């Protein structure tokens, strides 16, 4: 299992941090976890072939998590036209909240000038699926009230990875503890120094990691101005690290 941090930042890109995007390589699969604006450029910069990605997970529909979804699909569609030999034969698996396909159809009405469809397979809402040896669970996340958000838990041969996406400070802690219990790697947001209705806090991350016995926690969705305070907050918690763009973590 290898996690690559493509973007560890928030809505406004900076020189140090791009919006949310992560690549999980596990059991011969490459799973893109969120696809915020600038993701395509970062993939190309790091030499990662767009065609190598077989699954895209979107936690919610804010553009710092979703903004490059249509450009990604459209880029592959046009590349198929120019290079028919490597054209996608198997649908790209797309995981995310309810209404995902409906929103995609609306985006196509605005931006997709070609009449052809691109092969996509949507799986929406909270549920558990199997993908070869992987057990993938989408679970509900409290973030904002105007659309659904989901997190993702991926299990394979005794290893467990969990990504929350953006998560509100009022998310039920007992439910989250059970979801992430004994996880080998937890990727969770830390946008602010204190809890807000829409975002988690460093103190909540510490509590969650300790109570649920998470082996390694990566705090992400970071704002540059809060980094010194976050380092101070986590300095006595060696299992919690701050994400950096282009960081790679192997388990």
Protein backbone atom coordinates (compact mmCIF):
# COMPACT_ATOMS: atom_id res chain seq x y z
CA UNK A 1 0.00 0.00 0.00
CA UNK A 2 1.44 3.37 -1.03
CA UNK A 3 -0.14 6.79 -0.54
CA UNK A 4 1.07 9.78 -2.54
CA UNK A 5 0.00 13.25 -1.42
CA UNK A 6 -0.76 15.15 -4.63
CA UNK A 7 -2.42 18.08 -2.88
CA UNK A 8 -2.51 18.73 0.87
CA UNK A 9 -4.04 22.20 0.79
CA UNK A 10 -7.45 23.84 0.77
CA UNK A 11 -9.47 25.87 -1.72
CA UNK A 12 -6.78 28.45 -2.55
CA UNK A 13 -3.70 26.84 -4.14
CA UNK A 14 -0.33 28.03 -2.85
CA UNK A 15 3.24 27.41 -3.94
CA UNK A 16 3.55 24.77 -1.23
CA UNK A 17 0.09 23.19 -1.29
CA UNK A 18 -2.37 22.27 -4.02
CA UNK A 19 -6.05 21.48 -3.33
CA UNK A 20 -7.07 18.02 -2.17
CA UNK A 21 -5.87 15.01 -4.16
CA UNK A 22 -4.26 11.73 -3.10
CA UNK A 23 -3.22 8.59 -4.95
CA UNK A 24 -3.52 5.23 -3.22
CA UNK A 25 -1.74 2.32 -4.89
CA UNK A 26 -2.98 -0.97 -3.50
CA UNK A 27 -3.37 -4.51 -4.88
CA UNK A 28 -2.57 -3.48 -8.47
CA UNK A 29 -5.13 -0.67 -8.33
CA UNK A 30 -4.50 3.06 -8.52
CA UNK A 31 -7.26 4.91 -6.70
CA UNK A 32 -7.46 8.68 -6.92
CA UNK A 33 -8.91 10.07 -3.69
CA UNK A 34 -10.48 13.45 -4.46
CA UNK A 35 -9.58 15.44 -7.53
CA UNK A 36 -9.44 19.12 -6.66
CA UNK A 37 -8.56 21.79 -9.20
CA UNK A 38 -4.86 21.49 -10.22
CA UNK A 39 -4.85 17.68 -9.81
CA UNK A 40 -4.22 16.92 -13.50
CA UNK A 41 -1.21 19.25 -13.60
CA UNK A 42 0.21 17.65 -10.46
CA UNK A 43 -0.24 14.11 -11.83
CA UNK A 44 1.59 15.07 -15.01
CA UNK A 45 4.30 16.89 -13.05
CA UNK A 46 4.93 13.74 -10.99
CA UNK A 47 4.98 11.48 -14.04
CA UNK A 48 1.76 9.64 -13.19
CA UNK A 49 -0.13 8.49 -16.28
CA UNK A 50 -3.79 9.46 -16.17
CA UNK A 51 -4.59 6.17 -17.90
CA UNK A 52 -3.08 4.20 -15.02
CA UNK A 53 -5.85 5.35 -12.66
CA UNK A 54 -8.73 2.87 -12.56
CA UNK A 55 -10.84 4.33 -9.73
CA UNK A 56 -11.76 7.87 -8.67
CA UNK A 57 -13.30 8.61 -5.27
CA UNK A 58 -14.86 12.02 -4.60
CA UNK A 59 -15.74 12.82 -0.98
CA UNK A 60 -17.98 15.79 -1.78
CA UNK A 61 -18.70 18.39 -4.43
CA UNK A 62 -16.66 21.42 -3.38
CA UNK A 63 -14.25 22.32 -6.18
CA UNK A 64 -11.13 21.79 -4.08
CA UNK A 65 -12.15 18.12 -4.00
CA UNK A 66 -14.06 17.76 -7.27
CA UNK A 67 -12.92 20.53 -9.62
CA UNK A 68 -10.72 18.49 -11.96
CA UNK A 69 -13.15 15.59 -12.38
CA UNK A 70 -14.64 16.76 -15.66
CA UNK A 71 -11.28 17.94 -17.08
CA UNK A 72 -9.79 14.53 -16.20
CA UNK A 73 -12.53 12.64 -18.04
CA UNK A 74 -12.51 15.02 -21.00
CA UNK A 75 -8.72 14.79 -21.28
CA UNK A 76 -8.87 10.99 -21.44
CA UNK A 77 -11.74 11.13 -23.93
CA UNK A 78 -9.79 13.32 -26.34
CA UNK A 79 -6.65 11.21 -25.86
CA UNK A 80 -8.70 8.15 -26.84
CA UNK A 81 -9.57 9.86 -30.12
CA UNK A 82 -5.92 10.50 -30.92
CA UNK A 83 -4.64 7.11 -29.75
CA UNK A 84 -7.35 4.49 -30.39
CA UNK A 85 -4.98 1.65 -29.52
CA UNK A 86 -4.97 2.59 -25.84
CA UNK A 87 -8.63 3.58 -25.69
CA UNK A 88 -10.38 2.72 -22.45
CA UNK A 89 -12.28 -0.54 -22.79
CA UNK A 90 -13.16 -0.99 -19.14
CA UNK A 91 -15.28 1.70 -17.46
CA UNK A 92 -13.56 3.96 -14.96
CA UNK A 93 -14.96 3.20 -11.50
CA UNK A 94 -16.32 6.36 -9.85
CA UNK A 95 -17.18 6.36 -6.14
CA UNK A 96 -18.83 9.16 -4.21
CA UNK A 97 -21.93 10.64 -2.60
CA UNK A 98 -25.48 10.26 -3.83
CA UNK A 99 -26.41 12.49 -6.81
CA UNK A 100 -22.92 12.06 -8.33
CA UNK A 101 -24.13 10.77 -11.70
CA UNK A 102 -26.92 13.35 -11.77
CA UNK A 103 -24.38 16.13 -11.24
CA UNK A 104 -22.14 14.62 -13.91
CA UNK A 105 -25.01 14.66 -16.38
CA UNK A 106 -25.58 18.35 -15.65
CA UNK A 107 -21.90 19.12 -16.17
CA UNK A 108 -22.02 17.33 -19.52
CA UNK A 109 -24.88 19.58 -20.60
CA UNK A 110 -22.70 22.63 -20.02
CA UNK A 111 -19.18 21.52 -20.95
CA UNK A 112 -19.31 18.28 -22.95
CA UNK A 113 -19.66 19.24 -26.59
CA UNK A 114 -19.16 15.72 -27.95
CA UNK A 115 -22.18 13.44 -28.32
CA UNK A 116 -20.32 10.32 -27.19
CA UNK A 117 -20.29 9.00 -23.67
CA UNK A 118 -17.12 8.09 -21.79
CA UNK A 119 -17.22 4.71 -20.01
CA UNK A 120 -17.92 5.42 -16.35
CA UNK A 121 -19.37 3.17 -13.65
CA UNK A 122 -20.88 5.13 -10.76
CA UNK A 123 -21.33 3.74 -7.26
CA UNK A 124 -22.99 6.26 -4.97
CA UNK A 125 -23.80 6.65 -1.30
CA UNK A 126 -22.94 4.71 1.83
CA UNK A 127 -22.33 1.06 0.97
CA UNK A 128 -19.67 -1.65 0.85
CA UNK A 129 -18.30 -3.20 -2.33
CA UNK A 130 -15.52 -5.59 -3.28
CA UNK A 131 -12.93 -4.80 -5.92
CA UNK A 132 -10.79 -7.89 -6.49
CA UNK A 133 -9.15 -8.41 -3.07
CA UNK A 134 -10.23 -5.00 -1.76
CA UNK A 135 -13.14 -4.37 0.58
CA UNK A 136 -14.23 -0.76 0.05
CA UNK A 137 -16.70 0.94 2.37
CA UNK A 138 -18.21 4.35 1.73
CA UNK A 139 -19.52 5.85 4.96
CA UNK A 140 -21.47 9.05 5.73
CA UNK A 141 -19.59 12.17 6.80
CA UNK A 142 -21.01 15.29 8.43
CA UNK A 143 -19.56 18.29 6.57
CA UNK A 144 -22.08 20.77 5.13
CA UNK A 145 -25.89 20.44 5.16
CA UNK A 146 -26.59 21.21 1.52
CA UNK A 147 -25.17 18.02 0.03
CA UNK A 148 -24.04 14.58 1.16
CA UNK A 149 -20.40 13.80 1.91
CA UNK A 150 -18.77 10.39 2.27
CA UNK A 151 -15.52 8.97 3.55
CA UNK A 152 -13.82 5.82 2.31
CA UNK A 153 -12.36 2.80 4.10
CA UNK A 154 -10.24 0.34 2.12
CA UNK A 155 -9.18 -3.03 3.52
CA UNK A 156 -6.82 -5.53 1.93
CA UNK A 157 -5.00 -8.53 3.41
CA UNK A 158 -5.15 -7.24 6.97
CA UNK A 159 -4.29 -3.62 6.14
CA UNK A 160 -6.79 -0.80 6.61
CA UNK A 161 -6.74 2.70 5.14
CA UNK A 162 -9.34 5.40 5.91
CA UNK A 163 -9.85 8.83 4.34
CA UNK A 164 -12.50 11.17 5.71
CA UNK A 165 -12.47 14.07 3.27
CA UNK A 166 -13.70 17.25 4.94
CA UNK A 167 -15.42 16.47 8.22
CA UNK A 168 -17.38 18.72 10.56
CA UNK A 169 -16.58 19.16 14.22
CA UNK A 170 -20.04 17.83 15.12
CA UNK A 171 -19.58 14.49 13.35
CA UNK A 172 -20.51 11.72 15.84
CA UNK A 173 -17.18 10.79 17.40
CA UNK A 174 -18.28 7.33 18.56
CA UNK A 175 -19.23 6.32 15.02
CA UNK A 176 -15.97 7.65 13.62
CA UNK A 177 -13.94 5.84 16.27
CA UNK A 178 -15.48 2.53 15.24
CA UNK A 179 -14.87 3.24 11.56
CA UNK A 180 -11.17 4.01 11.98
CA UNK A 181 -10.43 1.60 14.85
CA UNK A 182 -7.01 -0.06 14.48
CA UNK A 183 -6.51 1.50 11.04
CA UNK A 184 -2.98 1.29 9.69
CA UNK A 185 -3.29 4.69 8.01
CA UNK A 186 -5.83 7.47 8.58
CA UNK A 187 -5.93 10.51 6.31
CA UNK A 188 -8.01 13.25 7.94
CA UNK A 189 -8.46 16.98 7.52
CA UNK A 190 -7.16 19.67 9.88
CA UNK A 191 -8.17 22.96 8.25
CA UNK A 192 -8.48 25.05 11.42
CA UNK A 193 -6.96 25.25 14.88
CA UNK A 194 -10.36 24.90 16.56
CA UNK A 195 -13.41 22.83 15.73
CA UNK A 196 -16.06 24.38 13.45
CA UNK A 197 -19.42 23.01 12.28
CA UNK A 198 -17.81 22.06 8.95
CA UNK A 199 -14.25 21.14 9.91
CA UNK A 200 -12.35 19.02 12.42
CA UNK A 201 -9.81 20.31 14.95
CA UNK A 202 -6.30 19.11 15.92
CA UNK A 203 -7.57 18.18 19.39
CA UNK A 204 -10.25 15.98 17.84
CA UNK A 205 -7.63 14.30 15.65
CA UNK A 206 -5.48 13.55 18.70
CA UNK A 207 -8.45 12.12 20.60
CA UNK A 208 -9.60 10.03 17.65
CA UNK A 209 -6.15 8.63 16.92
CA UNK A 210 -5.55 7.67 20.54
CA UNK A 211 -8.96 6.22 21.40
CA UNK A 212 -9.24 4.27 18.13
CA UNK A 213 -5.61 3.05 18.28
CA UNK A 214 -4.76 4.31 14.80
CA UNK A 215 -1.23 3.29 13.89
CA UNK A 216 -0.43 6.32 11.70
CA UNK A 217 -2.47 9.47 11.13
CA UNK A 218 -1.81 12.02 8.40
CA UNK A 219 -3.37 15.44 8.97
CA UNK A 220 -4.13 17.17 5.67
CA UNK A 221 -6.26 19.91 4.05
CA UNK A 222 -3.86 22.39 5.64
CA UNK A 223 -3.47 26.15 5.50
CA UNK A 224 0.13 27.39 5.42
CA UNK A 225 -0.40 29.98 8.16
CA UNK A 226 -1.46 27.31 10.66
CA UNK A 227 1.50 24.98 10.15
CA UNK A 228 3.65 26.27 13.06
CA UNK A 229 0.74 25.93 15.49
CA UNK A 230 -0.13 22.47 14.17
CA UNK A 231 3.46 21.31 14.56
CA UNK A 232 3.38 22.50 18.15
CA UNK A 233 0.03 20.80 18.76
CA UNK A 234 1.19 17.43 17.41
CA UNK A 235 4.80 17.47 18.64
CA UNK A 236 4.13 14.99 21.46
CA UNK A 237 2.13 12.67 19.23
CA UNK A 238 4.64 10.85 16.98
CA UNK A 239 1.99 8.79 15.19
CA UNK A 240 0.44 11.98 13.77
CA UNK A 241 2.22 13.72 10.88
CA UNK A 242 1.41 16.71 8.70
CA UNK A 243 0.87 16.07 5.02
CA UNK A 244 3.13 17.73 2.45
CA UNK A 245 2.60 17.87 -1.28
CA UNK A 246 4.52 15.07 -3.06
CA UNK A 247 4.96 13.14 0.21
CA UNK A 248 4.86 9.35 -0.18
CA UNK A 249 3.92 6.93 2.58
CA UNK A 250 4.34 3.17 2.21
CA UNK A 251 2.93 0.47 4.47
